[in-house]
N, C-alpha and C. Protein backbone atom coordinates (compact mmCIF):
# COMPACT_ATOMS: atom_id res chain seq x y z
N MET A 1 21.79 11.93 -72.24
CA MET A 1 21.27 12.54 -71.04
C MET A 1 20.48 11.47 -70.27
N ASN A 2 20.75 11.38 -68.98
CA ASN A 2 20.05 10.38 -68.19
C ASN A 2 18.73 10.93 -67.63
N LYS A 3 17.94 10.03 -67.04
CA LYS A 3 16.63 10.41 -66.50
C LYS A 3 16.74 11.50 -65.44
N GLN A 4 17.76 11.39 -64.61
CA GLN A 4 17.95 12.36 -63.52
C GLN A 4 18.14 13.77 -64.09
N ASP A 5 19.01 13.91 -65.09
CA ASP A 5 19.26 15.21 -65.69
C ASP A 5 17.99 15.80 -66.30
N LEU A 6 17.23 14.98 -66.99
CA LEU A 6 16.00 15.42 -67.62
C LEU A 6 15.00 15.88 -66.56
N ARG A 7 14.90 15.17 -65.47
CA ARG A 7 13.98 15.53 -64.40
C ARG A 7 14.39 16.87 -63.77
N VAL A 8 15.68 17.05 -63.57
CA VAL A 8 16.19 18.31 -63.01
C VAL A 8 15.86 19.47 -63.95
N GLN A 9 16.09 19.27 -65.24
CA GLN A 9 15.80 20.32 -66.22
C GLN A 9 14.31 20.66 -66.26
N LYS A 10 13.46 19.65 -66.19
CA LYS A 10 12.02 19.89 -66.22
C LYS A 10 11.57 20.66 -64.99
N THR A 11 12.10 20.30 -63.83
CA THR A 11 11.75 21.01 -62.60
C THR A 11 12.22 22.45 -62.66
N HIS A 12 13.43 22.63 -63.10
CA HIS A 12 14.02 23.96 -63.24
C HIS A 12 13.14 24.81 -64.17
N GLN A 13 12.77 24.26 -65.30
CA GLN A 13 11.95 24.99 -66.27
C GLN A 13 10.56 25.26 -65.71
N ALA A 14 9.99 24.32 -64.98
CA ALA A 14 8.67 24.52 -64.38
C ALA A 14 8.69 25.69 -63.39
N LEU A 15 9.75 25.81 -62.62
CA LEU A 15 9.87 26.92 -61.67
C LEU A 15 10.00 28.25 -62.40
N ILE A 16 10.78 28.27 -63.45
CA ILE A 16 10.97 29.50 -64.22
C ILE A 16 9.67 29.91 -64.91
N THR A 17 8.98 28.96 -65.50
CA THR A 17 7.71 29.24 -66.16
C THR A 17 6.67 29.73 -65.15
N SER A 18 6.62 29.10 -64.00
CA SER A 18 5.68 29.51 -62.95
C SER A 18 5.99 30.93 -62.49
N PHE A 19 7.25 31.22 -62.35
CA PHE A 19 7.68 32.56 -61.94
C PHE A 19 7.22 33.60 -62.96
N SER A 20 7.46 33.33 -64.23
CA SER A 20 7.04 34.25 -65.29
C SER A 20 5.52 34.42 -65.30
N ASP A 21 4.78 33.33 -65.13
CA ASP A 21 3.32 33.40 -65.10
C ASP A 21 2.83 34.22 -63.91
N LEU A 22 3.41 34.01 -62.75
CA LEU A 22 3.00 34.74 -61.55
C LEU A 22 3.29 36.24 -61.68
N LEU A 23 4.36 36.59 -62.38
CA LEU A 23 4.69 38.01 -62.56
C LEU A 23 3.67 38.74 -63.42
N GLN A 24 2.83 38.01 -64.12
CA GLN A 24 1.78 38.65 -64.92
C GLN A 24 0.64 39.15 -64.04
N THR A 25 0.49 38.56 -62.85
CA THR A 25 -0.64 38.92 -61.99
C THR A 25 -0.23 39.48 -60.63
N LYS A 26 1.03 39.29 -60.25
CA LYS A 26 1.51 39.77 -58.95
C LYS A 26 2.82 40.50 -59.12
N SER A 27 3.10 41.39 -58.18
CA SER A 27 4.42 42.03 -58.19
C SER A 27 5.41 41.03 -57.59
N PHE A 28 6.67 41.27 -57.85
CA PHE A 28 7.71 40.38 -57.34
C PHE A 28 7.62 40.26 -55.81
N GLU A 29 7.38 41.40 -55.15
CA GLU A 29 7.31 41.39 -53.69
C GLU A 29 6.19 40.50 -53.17
N GLN A 30 5.11 40.39 -53.92
CA GLN A 30 3.95 39.59 -53.49
C GLN A 30 4.15 38.09 -53.70
N ILE A 31 5.05 37.73 -54.57
CA ILE A 31 5.26 36.31 -54.87
C ILE A 31 6.07 35.66 -53.76
N THR A 32 5.59 34.52 -53.29
CA THR A 32 6.31 33.77 -52.26
C THR A 32 6.86 32.48 -52.87
N VAL A 33 7.79 31.88 -52.16
CA VAL A 33 8.31 30.59 -52.59
C VAL A 33 7.16 29.58 -52.62
N GLN A 34 6.25 29.68 -51.67
CA GLN A 34 5.09 28.79 -51.65
C GLN A 34 4.25 28.95 -52.92
N ASP A 35 4.04 30.20 -53.36
CA ASP A 35 3.31 30.44 -54.61
C ASP A 35 4.00 29.76 -55.78
N LEU A 36 5.30 29.92 -55.85
CA LEU A 36 6.09 29.32 -56.93
C LEU A 36 5.97 27.80 -56.93
N CYS A 37 6.09 27.23 -55.73
CA CYS A 37 6.02 25.77 -55.61
C CYS A 37 4.64 25.24 -55.98
N ALA A 38 3.60 25.93 -55.53
CA ALA A 38 2.23 25.49 -55.84
C ALA A 38 1.98 25.57 -57.34
N LYS A 39 2.40 26.65 -57.95
CA LYS A 39 2.18 26.83 -59.40
C LYS A 39 2.98 25.81 -60.21
N ALA A 40 4.21 25.53 -59.79
CA ALA A 40 5.08 24.58 -60.52
C ALA A 40 4.81 23.13 -60.11
N ASN A 41 4.00 22.96 -59.07
CA ASN A 41 3.70 21.62 -58.55
C ASN A 41 4.96 20.90 -58.08
N VAL A 42 5.77 21.62 -57.30
CA VAL A 42 6.97 21.03 -56.70
C VAL A 42 7.00 21.36 -55.21
N ARG A 43 7.76 20.61 -54.48
CA ARG A 43 7.91 20.84 -53.04
C ARG A 43 8.90 21.98 -52.78
N ARG A 44 8.76 22.59 -51.61
CA ARG A 44 9.68 23.67 -51.24
C ARG A 44 11.13 23.18 -51.22
N SER A 45 11.34 21.98 -50.74
CA SER A 45 12.71 21.45 -50.68
C SER A 45 13.29 21.33 -52.10
N THR A 46 12.43 21.02 -53.06
CA THR A 46 12.89 20.94 -54.45
C THR A 46 13.27 22.33 -54.95
N PHE A 47 12.45 23.32 -54.62
CA PHE A 47 12.78 24.70 -55.01
C PHE A 47 14.17 25.06 -54.49
N TYR A 48 14.41 24.78 -53.21
CA TYR A 48 15.68 25.18 -52.59
C TYR A 48 16.88 24.36 -53.08
N ARG A 49 16.64 23.27 -53.74
CA ARG A 49 17.74 22.54 -54.39
C ARG A 49 18.20 23.28 -55.65
N HIS A 50 17.29 24.03 -56.23
CA HIS A 50 17.59 24.75 -57.48
C HIS A 50 18.01 26.20 -57.24
N PHE A 51 17.37 26.85 -56.25
CA PHE A 51 17.61 28.28 -56.02
C PHE A 51 17.69 28.55 -54.52
N ASN A 52 18.46 29.57 -54.15
CA ASN A 52 18.59 29.94 -52.74
C ASN A 52 17.32 30.62 -52.22
N ASP A 53 16.71 31.44 -53.06
CA ASP A 53 15.50 32.17 -52.70
C ASP A 53 14.91 32.76 -53.98
N LYS A 54 13.85 33.54 -53.84
CA LYS A 54 13.22 34.08 -55.05
C LYS A 54 14.11 35.11 -55.74
N TYR A 55 14.98 35.76 -55.01
CA TYR A 55 15.93 36.71 -55.62
C TYR A 55 16.94 35.97 -56.49
N ASP A 56 17.35 34.82 -56.04
CA ASP A 56 18.27 33.98 -56.83
C ASP A 56 17.58 33.54 -58.12
N LEU A 57 16.31 33.18 -58.01
CA LEU A 57 15.54 32.80 -59.20
C LEU A 57 15.43 33.98 -60.16
N LEU A 58 15.11 35.17 -59.65
CA LEU A 58 15.02 36.36 -60.50
C LEU A 58 16.35 36.64 -61.18
N ASN A 59 17.42 36.55 -60.43
CA ASN A 59 18.75 36.79 -60.98
C ASN A 59 19.04 35.81 -62.12
N HIS A 60 18.68 34.55 -61.91
CA HIS A 60 18.87 33.53 -62.94
C HIS A 60 18.04 33.85 -64.19
N VAL A 61 16.79 34.22 -63.99
CA VAL A 61 15.90 34.51 -65.12
C VAL A 61 16.41 35.73 -65.89
N VAL A 62 16.81 36.78 -65.19
CA VAL A 62 17.34 37.98 -65.85
C VAL A 62 18.59 37.64 -66.65
N GLY A 63 19.49 36.88 -66.06
CA GLY A 63 20.71 36.47 -66.77
C GLY A 63 20.40 35.67 -68.03
N THR A 64 19.44 34.77 -67.92
CA THR A 64 19.04 33.97 -69.07
C THR A 64 18.42 34.84 -70.16
N LEU A 65 17.58 35.79 -69.77
CA LEU A 65 16.96 36.68 -70.74
C LEU A 65 18.00 37.53 -71.47
N ILE A 66 18.95 38.05 -70.73
CA ILE A 66 19.98 38.88 -71.35
C ILE A 66 20.82 38.05 -72.32
N ASP A 67 21.17 36.84 -71.92
CA ASP A 67 21.90 35.95 -72.83
C ASP A 67 21.08 35.68 -74.09
N HIS A 68 19.79 35.45 -73.89
CA HIS A 68 18.88 35.19 -75.02
C HIS A 68 18.84 36.40 -75.96
N PHE A 69 18.74 37.60 -75.38
CA PHE A 69 18.73 38.82 -76.19
C PHE A 69 20.02 38.95 -76.99
N ARG A 70 21.14 38.72 -76.34
CA ARG A 70 22.44 38.80 -77.03
C ARG A 70 22.52 37.83 -78.20
N GLU A 71 22.11 36.60 -77.97
CA GLU A 71 22.23 35.55 -78.98
C GLU A 71 21.27 35.74 -80.15
N LEU A 72 20.03 36.09 -79.86
CA LEU A 72 19.02 36.11 -80.91
C LEU A 72 18.95 37.40 -81.70
N TYR A 73 19.21 38.51 -81.07
CA TYR A 73 18.93 39.77 -81.74
C TYR A 73 20.17 40.48 -82.28
N LEU A 74 21.18 40.63 -81.49
CA LEU A 74 22.29 41.48 -81.90
C LEU A 74 23.15 40.94 -83.04
N PRO A 75 23.43 39.65 -83.15
CA PRO A 75 24.34 39.21 -84.21
C PRO A 75 23.80 39.38 -85.63
N ASP A 76 22.48 39.43 -85.79
CA ASP A 76 21.90 39.49 -87.13
C ASP A 76 21.88 40.88 -87.75
N ILE A 77 22.24 41.89 -87.00
CA ILE A 77 22.11 43.26 -87.49
C ILE A 77 23.23 43.57 -88.47
N ASN A 78 22.85 44.07 -89.66
CA ASN A 78 23.80 44.37 -90.73
C ASN A 78 23.87 45.89 -90.92
N PRO A 79 25.06 46.49 -90.81
CA PRO A 79 25.17 47.95 -90.88
C PRO A 79 25.15 48.54 -92.29
N ASP A 80 24.98 47.74 -93.33
CA ASP A 80 25.00 48.27 -94.69
C ASP A 80 23.89 49.29 -94.95
N ASN A 81 22.75 49.12 -94.31
CA ASN A 81 21.62 50.02 -94.48
C ASN A 81 21.27 50.60 -93.11
N PRO A 82 21.73 51.83 -92.80
CA PRO A 82 21.56 52.39 -91.45
C PRO A 82 20.11 52.44 -90.97
N ARG A 83 19.18 52.85 -91.83
CA ARG A 83 17.78 52.93 -91.39
C ARG A 83 17.28 51.54 -91.01
N HIS A 84 17.53 50.56 -91.84
CA HIS A 84 17.11 49.19 -91.56
C HIS A 84 17.82 48.67 -90.30
N PHE A 85 19.10 48.99 -90.17
CA PHE A 85 19.89 48.58 -89.00
C PHE A 85 19.21 49.06 -87.71
N PHE A 86 18.91 50.36 -87.63
CA PHE A 86 18.33 50.91 -86.41
C PHE A 86 16.88 50.46 -86.22
N GLU A 87 16.14 50.29 -87.31
CA GLU A 87 14.77 49.76 -87.18
C GLU A 87 14.79 48.36 -86.57
N LYS A 88 15.67 47.52 -87.06
CA LYS A 88 15.76 46.15 -86.55
C LYS A 88 16.21 46.15 -85.09
N LEU A 89 17.23 46.94 -84.78
CA LEU A 89 17.72 47.03 -83.40
C LEU A 89 16.59 47.46 -82.47
N MET A 90 15.88 48.52 -82.82
CA MET A 90 14.83 49.04 -81.94
C MET A 90 13.64 48.08 -81.85
N ARG A 91 13.19 47.58 -82.99
CA ARG A 91 12.03 46.68 -82.97
C ARG A 91 12.35 45.41 -82.17
N ASP A 92 13.55 44.87 -82.37
CA ASP A 92 13.93 43.66 -81.62
C ASP A 92 14.01 43.94 -80.12
N ALA A 93 14.63 45.07 -79.75
CA ALA A 93 14.77 45.40 -78.32
C ALA A 93 13.39 45.63 -77.69
N LEU A 94 12.54 46.39 -78.36
CA LEU A 94 11.21 46.67 -77.81
C LEU A 94 10.33 45.42 -77.76
N THR A 95 10.42 44.60 -78.77
CA THR A 95 9.65 43.34 -78.78
C THR A 95 10.10 42.44 -77.65
N PHE A 96 11.40 42.34 -77.48
CA PHE A 96 11.97 41.53 -76.40
C PHE A 96 11.45 42.02 -75.04
N ILE A 97 11.49 43.32 -74.83
CA ILE A 97 11.03 43.89 -73.56
C ILE A 97 9.53 43.66 -73.39
N HIS A 98 8.77 43.86 -74.45
CA HIS A 98 7.32 43.65 -74.38
C HIS A 98 6.99 42.19 -74.06
N ASP A 99 7.68 41.27 -74.71
CA ASP A 99 7.43 39.85 -74.49
C ASP A 99 7.81 39.39 -73.08
N ASN A 100 8.66 40.14 -72.42
CA ASN A 100 9.12 39.78 -71.07
C ASN A 100 8.76 40.87 -70.07
N LYS A 101 7.62 41.52 -70.28
CA LYS A 101 7.28 42.70 -69.48
C LYS A 101 7.12 42.42 -67.99
N GLY A 102 6.66 41.25 -67.61
CA GLY A 102 6.53 40.95 -66.18
C GLY A 102 7.88 40.97 -65.49
N ILE A 103 8.84 40.34 -66.11
CA ILE A 103 10.19 40.31 -65.53
C ILE A 103 10.84 41.68 -65.61
N VAL A 104 10.66 42.36 -66.74
CA VAL A 104 11.24 43.70 -66.90
C VAL A 104 10.67 44.65 -65.85
N ARG A 105 9.37 44.59 -65.63
CA ARG A 105 8.73 45.44 -64.62
C ARG A 105 9.33 45.16 -63.24
N SER A 106 9.55 43.90 -62.93
CA SER A 106 10.14 43.53 -61.64
C SER A 106 11.57 44.05 -61.52
N VAL A 107 12.32 43.93 -62.60
CA VAL A 107 13.71 44.38 -62.59
C VAL A 107 13.78 45.88 -62.33
N ILE A 108 12.88 46.64 -62.94
CA ILE A 108 12.90 48.10 -62.78
C ILE A 108 12.58 48.50 -61.35
N THR A 109 11.72 47.76 -60.67
CA THR A 109 11.32 48.14 -59.32
C THR A 109 12.25 47.58 -58.24
N LEU A 110 13.19 46.75 -58.62
CA LEU A 110 14.09 46.15 -57.64
C LEU A 110 15.52 46.66 -57.83
N ASN A 111 16.40 46.21 -56.99
CA ASN A 111 17.79 46.62 -57.04
C ASN A 111 18.55 46.10 -58.26
N PHE A 112 17.93 45.23 -59.03
CA PHE A 112 18.60 44.68 -60.21
C PHE A 112 18.68 45.72 -61.34
N TYR A 113 17.92 46.82 -61.24
CA TYR A 113 17.81 47.75 -62.35
C TYR A 113 19.15 48.28 -62.82
N GLY A 114 19.99 48.76 -61.91
CA GLY A 114 21.28 49.31 -62.31
C GLY A 114 22.14 48.29 -63.03
N GLU A 115 22.14 47.10 -62.52
CA GLU A 115 22.92 46.01 -63.10
C GLU A 115 22.42 45.66 -64.50
N VAL A 116 21.12 45.52 -64.65
CA VAL A 116 20.53 45.17 -65.94
C VAL A 116 20.65 46.33 -66.92
N TYR A 117 20.45 47.55 -66.45
CA TYR A 117 20.59 48.73 -67.31
C TYR A 117 22.00 48.77 -67.90
N THR A 118 23.00 48.52 -67.07
CA THR A 118 24.38 48.52 -67.54
C THR A 118 24.59 47.46 -68.62
N ILE A 119 24.05 46.28 -68.40
CA ILE A 119 24.21 45.20 -69.38
C ILE A 119 23.52 45.57 -70.70
N PHE A 120 22.28 46.08 -70.62
CA PHE A 120 21.59 46.47 -71.85
C PHE A 120 22.30 47.64 -72.53
N TYR A 121 22.80 48.57 -71.73
CA TYR A 121 23.55 49.70 -72.30
C TYR A 121 24.74 49.18 -73.10
N GLU A 122 25.48 48.27 -72.51
CA GLU A 122 26.66 47.72 -73.20
C GLU A 122 26.27 47.00 -74.49
N GLN A 123 25.18 46.25 -74.46
CA GLN A 123 24.75 45.51 -75.65
C GLN A 123 24.28 46.45 -76.76
N ILE A 124 23.49 47.45 -76.40
CA ILE A 124 23.02 48.40 -77.41
C ILE A 124 24.19 49.24 -77.91
N TYR A 125 25.09 49.61 -77.01
CA TYR A 125 26.27 50.39 -77.42
C TYR A 125 27.10 49.61 -78.44
N LYS A 126 27.29 48.32 -78.20
CA LYS A 126 28.04 47.48 -79.16
C LYS A 126 27.36 47.48 -80.52
N ALA A 127 26.04 47.36 -80.53
CA ALA A 127 25.31 47.35 -81.81
C ALA A 127 25.42 48.70 -82.50
N VAL A 128 25.26 49.79 -81.74
CA VAL A 128 25.38 51.14 -82.31
C VAL A 128 26.80 51.35 -82.84
N GLN A 129 27.80 50.91 -82.09
CA GLN A 129 29.19 51.06 -82.53
C GLN A 129 29.45 50.31 -83.83
N LYS A 130 28.77 49.20 -84.02
CA LYS A 130 28.91 48.44 -85.27
C LYS A 130 28.51 49.31 -86.46
N GLN A 131 27.39 50.03 -86.33
CA GLN A 131 26.94 50.92 -87.39
C GLN A 131 27.90 52.10 -87.55
N ILE A 132 28.30 52.69 -86.45
CA ILE A 132 29.20 53.84 -86.50
C ILE A 132 30.53 53.45 -87.13
N GLU A 133 31.05 52.31 -86.75
CA GLU A 133 32.33 51.85 -87.31
C GLU A 133 32.21 51.63 -88.82
N PHE A 134 31.10 51.10 -89.26
CA PHE A 134 30.88 50.91 -90.69
C PHE A 134 30.91 52.26 -91.41
N ASP A 135 30.20 53.26 -90.85
CA ASP A 135 30.19 54.60 -91.44
C ASP A 135 31.58 55.23 -91.39
N ARG A 136 32.26 55.06 -90.27
CA ARG A 136 33.59 55.67 -90.09
C ARG A 136 34.59 55.11 -91.10
N GLN A 137 34.53 53.82 -91.35
CA GLN A 137 35.44 53.20 -92.32
C GLN A 137 35.18 53.72 -93.72
N SER A 138 33.98 54.19 -93.96
CA SER A 138 33.66 54.79 -95.25
C SER A 138 34.10 56.25 -95.30
N GLY A 139 34.71 56.73 -94.20
CA GLY A 139 35.18 58.11 -94.14
C GLY A 139 34.07 59.12 -94.01
N GLN A 140 32.96 58.72 -93.43
CA GLN A 140 31.80 59.58 -93.46
C GLN A 140 31.62 60.49 -92.25
N PHE A 141 32.10 60.13 -91.08
CA PHE A 141 31.82 60.94 -89.89
C PHE A 141 32.88 62.01 -89.65
N TYR A 142 32.43 63.17 -89.20
CA TYR A 142 33.36 64.21 -88.81
C TYR A 142 33.14 64.66 -87.36
N VAL A 143 32.43 63.86 -86.58
CA VAL A 143 32.26 64.11 -85.15
C VAL A 143 32.98 63.00 -84.39
N ASP A 144 33.21 63.22 -83.11
CA ASP A 144 33.84 62.20 -82.27
C ASP A 144 32.88 61.01 -82.18
N VAL A 145 33.31 59.88 -82.72
CA VAL A 145 32.41 58.72 -82.80
C VAL A 145 32.11 58.12 -81.43
N THR A 146 33.00 58.28 -80.47
CA THR A 146 32.73 57.77 -79.12
C THR A 146 31.60 58.55 -78.48
N ILE A 147 31.69 59.87 -78.56
CA ILE A 147 30.63 60.71 -77.99
C ILE A 147 29.32 60.47 -78.72
N TYR A 148 29.38 60.36 -80.03
CA TYR A 148 28.18 60.11 -80.82
C TYR A 148 27.54 58.77 -80.43
N GLY A 149 28.35 57.74 -80.25
CA GLY A 149 27.84 56.43 -79.83
C GLY A 149 27.20 56.47 -78.46
N GLU A 150 27.85 57.18 -77.53
CA GLU A 150 27.29 57.33 -76.18
C GLU A 150 25.96 58.08 -76.23
N PHE A 151 25.92 59.12 -77.05
CA PHE A 151 24.71 59.93 -77.20
C PHE A 151 23.55 59.09 -77.73
N LEU A 152 23.79 58.35 -78.79
CA LEU A 152 22.73 57.51 -79.36
C LEU A 152 22.27 56.44 -78.37
N THR A 153 23.22 55.76 -77.75
CA THR A 153 22.87 54.68 -76.82
C THR A 153 22.09 55.21 -75.63
N GLY A 154 22.56 56.31 -75.05
CA GLY A 154 21.86 56.92 -73.92
C GLY A 154 20.45 57.35 -74.28
N GLY A 155 20.30 57.93 -75.46
CA GLY A 155 18.98 58.36 -75.92
C GLY A 155 18.04 57.18 -76.13
N ILE A 156 18.55 56.15 -76.77
CA ILE A 156 17.74 54.95 -77.01
C ILE A 156 17.27 54.35 -75.69
N LEU A 157 18.18 54.20 -74.74
CA LEU A 157 17.80 53.59 -73.46
C LEU A 157 16.87 54.48 -72.66
N SER A 158 17.05 55.78 -72.76
CA SER A 158 16.16 56.69 -72.05
C SER A 158 14.73 56.58 -72.57
N VAL A 159 14.58 56.52 -73.89
CA VAL A 159 13.24 56.37 -74.48
C VAL A 159 12.64 55.02 -74.10
N ILE A 160 13.43 53.97 -74.15
CA ILE A 160 12.93 52.64 -73.79
C ILE A 160 12.49 52.61 -72.32
N THR A 161 13.29 53.18 -71.43
CA THR A 161 12.95 53.21 -70.01
C THR A 161 11.65 53.97 -69.79
N ASN A 162 11.51 55.11 -70.44
CA ASN A 162 10.29 55.90 -70.32
C ASN A 162 9.09 55.11 -70.84
N TRP A 163 9.27 54.42 -71.94
CA TRP A 163 8.21 53.60 -72.54
C TRP A 163 7.76 52.51 -71.55
N ILE A 164 8.71 51.87 -70.90
CA ILE A 164 8.39 50.82 -69.92
C ILE A 164 7.66 51.42 -68.73
N GLN A 165 8.18 52.53 -68.20
CA GLN A 165 7.61 53.14 -67.01
C GLN A 165 6.19 53.67 -67.24
N HIS A 166 5.86 53.97 -68.48
CA HIS A 166 4.52 54.45 -68.80
C HIS A 166 3.62 53.35 -69.35
N GLY A 167 3.96 52.11 -69.04
CA GLY A 167 3.10 50.98 -69.36
C GLY A 167 3.07 50.57 -70.82
N GLN A 168 4.10 50.93 -71.57
CA GLN A 168 4.21 50.54 -72.98
C GLN A 168 2.95 50.92 -73.75
N GLN A 169 2.46 52.15 -73.52
CA GLN A 169 1.21 52.59 -74.13
C GLN A 169 1.33 52.79 -75.64
N GLN A 170 2.47 53.28 -76.09
CA GLN A 170 2.65 53.46 -77.53
C GLN A 170 3.06 52.13 -78.15
N SER A 171 2.67 51.94 -79.39
CA SER A 171 3.00 50.69 -80.07
C SER A 171 4.50 50.59 -80.33
N ILE A 172 4.96 49.37 -80.47
CA ILE A 172 6.37 49.12 -80.79
C ILE A 172 6.72 49.81 -82.10
N ASP A 173 5.83 49.74 -83.09
CA ASP A 173 6.09 50.37 -84.38
C ASP A 173 6.24 51.88 -84.26
N LYS A 174 5.37 52.52 -83.46
CA LYS A 174 5.43 53.98 -83.31
C LYS A 174 6.73 54.39 -82.62
N VAL A 175 7.07 53.73 -81.54
CA VAL A 175 8.31 54.08 -80.82
C VAL A 175 9.52 53.83 -81.71
N THR A 176 9.52 52.71 -82.42
CA THR A 176 10.62 52.40 -83.34
C THR A 176 10.76 53.49 -84.39
N LYS A 177 9.64 53.87 -85.00
CA LYS A 177 9.67 54.89 -86.05
C LYS A 177 10.21 56.22 -85.52
N GLU A 178 9.74 56.64 -84.36
CA GLU A 178 10.18 57.91 -83.78
C GLU A 178 11.69 57.90 -83.49
N ILE A 179 12.16 56.83 -82.87
CA ILE A 179 13.58 56.75 -82.53
C ILE A 179 14.43 56.70 -83.80
N VAL A 180 14.03 55.89 -84.75
CA VAL A 180 14.81 55.75 -86.00
C VAL A 180 14.84 57.07 -86.76
N ASN A 181 13.72 57.79 -86.81
CA ASN A 181 13.71 59.09 -87.49
C ASN A 181 14.67 60.07 -86.82
N MET A 182 14.69 60.07 -85.48
CA MET A 182 15.62 60.96 -84.77
C MET A 182 17.07 60.56 -85.02
N ILE A 183 17.36 59.27 -84.95
CA ILE A 183 18.73 58.80 -85.17
C ILE A 183 19.18 59.11 -86.59
N CYS A 184 18.34 58.81 -87.55
CA CYS A 184 18.73 59.05 -88.95
C CYS A 184 18.86 60.54 -89.23
N GLY A 185 18.02 61.36 -88.61
CA GLY A 185 18.15 62.82 -88.75
C GLY A 185 19.47 63.31 -88.19
N ALA A 186 19.81 62.85 -86.99
CA ALA A 186 21.09 63.24 -86.37
C ALA A 186 22.26 62.71 -87.19
N ARG A 187 22.11 61.52 -87.69
CA ARG A 187 23.17 60.89 -88.48
C ARG A 187 23.45 61.70 -89.75
N GLU A 188 22.39 62.15 -90.43
CA GLU A 188 22.56 62.93 -91.65
C GLU A 188 23.27 64.25 -91.38
N VAL A 189 22.99 64.85 -90.23
CA VAL A 189 23.64 66.11 -89.87
C VAL A 189 25.14 65.92 -89.67
N HIS A 190 25.53 64.77 -89.15
CA HIS A 190 26.93 64.54 -88.79
C HIS A 190 27.72 63.73 -89.81
N LEU A 191 27.15 63.51 -90.96
CA LEU A 191 27.89 62.81 -92.01
C LEU A 191 28.53 63.83 -92.94
N LYS A 192 29.72 63.53 -93.39
CA LYS A 192 30.34 64.36 -94.42
C LYS A 192 29.60 64.13 -95.71
N LYS A 193 29.40 65.17 -96.42
CA LYS A 193 28.79 65.04 -97.74
C LYS A 193 29.85 64.51 -98.69
N LEU A 194 29.58 63.36 -99.26
CA LEU A 194 30.53 62.76 -100.20
C LEU A 194 30.26 63.31 -101.59
N SER A 195 31.33 63.80 -102.25
CA SER A 195 31.11 64.35 -103.59
C SER A 195 31.57 63.41 -104.66
């Protein structure tokens, strides 16, 4: 890597870090390109070499966060133990959202919400389907697994959205426990009793 590439990466990262820091104290609407440049200690012309505007920066940050979530959290989930599977899925998702609450709050209040909701829905649905498929291969389910997967995913995202909108007042552990208890309760009802 040459000096130029390293300098570009550092500037890019400084802008992203400044953006995340500013979101802790200001709403997205209040943040200006000038604020970003002052915080990152870069010129406006430098900002515009990297991003078209603050919406472009937000879009980039959201895309990066979603990729990060996909890479770090979802591949490690093992469906052998359903309770552990759902606890890990929920704790990881809630921790990720909590750790990125400034950006998440901005996403919810802007037009990005539908787009991001769809992406998170798809990712959680894939993880839920992994567990359902494991159970189905064991011959355990007697309900339509597609409907069941949609039901679980929709419920999980609805609880997460409500948690975010109410300022994440309940602890990650409490929300995780409540969701996992509901999922495992529903799961037990819809499993065939193996004799």
